[in-house]
Amino acid sequence: RSVTGGLVYRGQAIPPLVGRYLFGDFASGRIWTIPAEAVPVTPHELLLETDLNPSAFGEDANGEVYLLDLGGGVYRLMAAQ
């Protein structure tokens, strides 16, 4: 409904995401991923369903990804345990 642009994952904590572009939907809270170098563009894959309103993505010096919520929260993406 309302795509929030993301970034390419370059961290080490979640190896399956390395080189994948992450983006979200502000309205549904869903986070998707596609290969960053996909030509032609491939179908996106659902990564997470959240109760958040993703308003931005960021990364730290190690390439780990953070999701910012319109309500003021900052969340680091982590591998499922």
Protein backbone atom coordinates (compact mmCIF):
# COMPACT_ATOMS: atom_id res chain seq x y z
CA ARG A 1 0.00 0.00 0.00
CA SER A 2 2.82 2.38 0.91
CA VAL A 3 6.32 1.15 0.13
CA THR A 4 9.14 2.25 2.44
CA GLY A 5 12.40 1.97 0.57
CA GLY A 6 15.13 0.06 2.30
CA LEU A 7 18.70 -0.99 1.72
CA VAL A 8 20.96 -3.87 0.75
CA TYR A 9 21.94 -6.07 3.69
CA ARG A 10 25.72 -6.19 4.13
CA GLY A 11 25.95 -7.48 7.71
CA GLN A 12 27.13 -10.82 9.06
CA ALA A 13 24.45 -11.72 11.62
CA ILE A 14 21.97 -13.03 9.01
CA PRO A 15 23.99 -14.71 6.21
CA PRO A 16 20.98 -15.61 4.00
CA LEU A 17 20.20 -11.89 3.63
CA VAL A 18 23.64 -10.79 2.44
CA GLY A 19 23.26 -8.98 -0.90
CA ARG A 20 19.46 -8.77 -0.67
CA TYR A 21 17.48 -5.53 -0.81
CA LEU A 22 15.06 -5.11 2.13
CA PHE A 23 11.97 -2.92 1.94
CA GLY A 24 8.68 -2.61 3.77
CA ASP A 25 5.03 -1.61 3.61
CA PHE A 26 4.14 1.22 5.99
CA ALA A 27 0.45 0.23 6.09
CA SER A 28 0.70 -3.55 6.57
CA GLY A 29 3.98 -3.75 8.52
CA ARG A 30 5.31 -6.41 6.16
CA ILE A 31 9.01 -6.54 5.26
CA TRP A 32 10.10 -8.05 1.94
CA THR A 33 13.37 -8.86 0.23
CA ILE A 34 14.66 -9.31 -3.32
CA PRO A 35 18.15 -10.04 -4.64
CA ALA A 36 19.86 -6.67 -5.05
CA GLU A 37 21.44 -7.65 -8.37
CA ALA A 38 18.37 -9.32 -9.86
CA VAL A 39 18.02 -8.61 -13.58
CA PRO A 40 15.31 -8.90 -14.55
CA VAL A 41 13.68 -8.14 -11.23
CA THR A 42 12.52 -11.31 -9.51
CA PRO A 43 9.42 -11.72 -7.35
CA HIS A 44 9.81 -10.41 -3.83
CA GLU A 45 9.84 -12.73 -0.81
CA LEU A 46 8.07 -12.00 2.47
CA LEU A 47 10.63 -11.79 5.28
CA LEU A 48 8.57 -10.57 8.25
CA GLU A 49 5.04 -9.67 9.26
CA THR A 50 5.05 -7.03 12.00
CA ASP A 51 2.62 -4.78 13.85
CA LEU A 52 4.86 -1.80 13.07
CA ASN A 53 4.58 1.09 10.63
CA PRO A 54 8.03 0.97 8.98
CA SER A 55 9.02 4.54 8.19
CA ALA A 56 12.74 4.08 7.42
CA PHE A 57 15.63 1.63 7.35
CA GLY A 58 19.17 2.25 8.53
CA GLU A 59 22.40 0.38 9.05
CA ASP A 60 25.27 0.51 11.50
CA ALA A 61 29.02 0.45 10.78
CA ASN A 62 28.90 -3.38 10.59
CA GLY A 63 26.13 -3.40 7.97
CA GLU A 64 23.45 -4.63 10.39
CA VAL A 65 19.96 -3.33 9.57
CA TYR A 66 17.63 -1.30 11.76
CA LEU A 67 13.96 -0.65 11.15
CA LEU A 68 12.41 2.62 12.34
CA ASP A 69 8.75 2.67 13.31
CA LEU A 70 6.57 5.76 13.00
CA GLY A 71 5.69 5.32 16.70
CA GLY A 72 9.32 6.05 17.65
CA GLY A 73 10.74 2.54 17.94
CA VAL A 74 14.10 1.47 16.55
CA TYR A 75 14.44 -2.29 15.92
CA ARG A 76 17.50 -4.28 14.86
CA LEU A 77 16.87 -7.16 12.47
CA MET A 78 18.16 -10.40 13.96
CA ALA A 79 18.19 -14.03 12.88
CA ALA A 80 15.35 -16.18 14.19
CA GLN A 81 16.32 -18.25 17.18
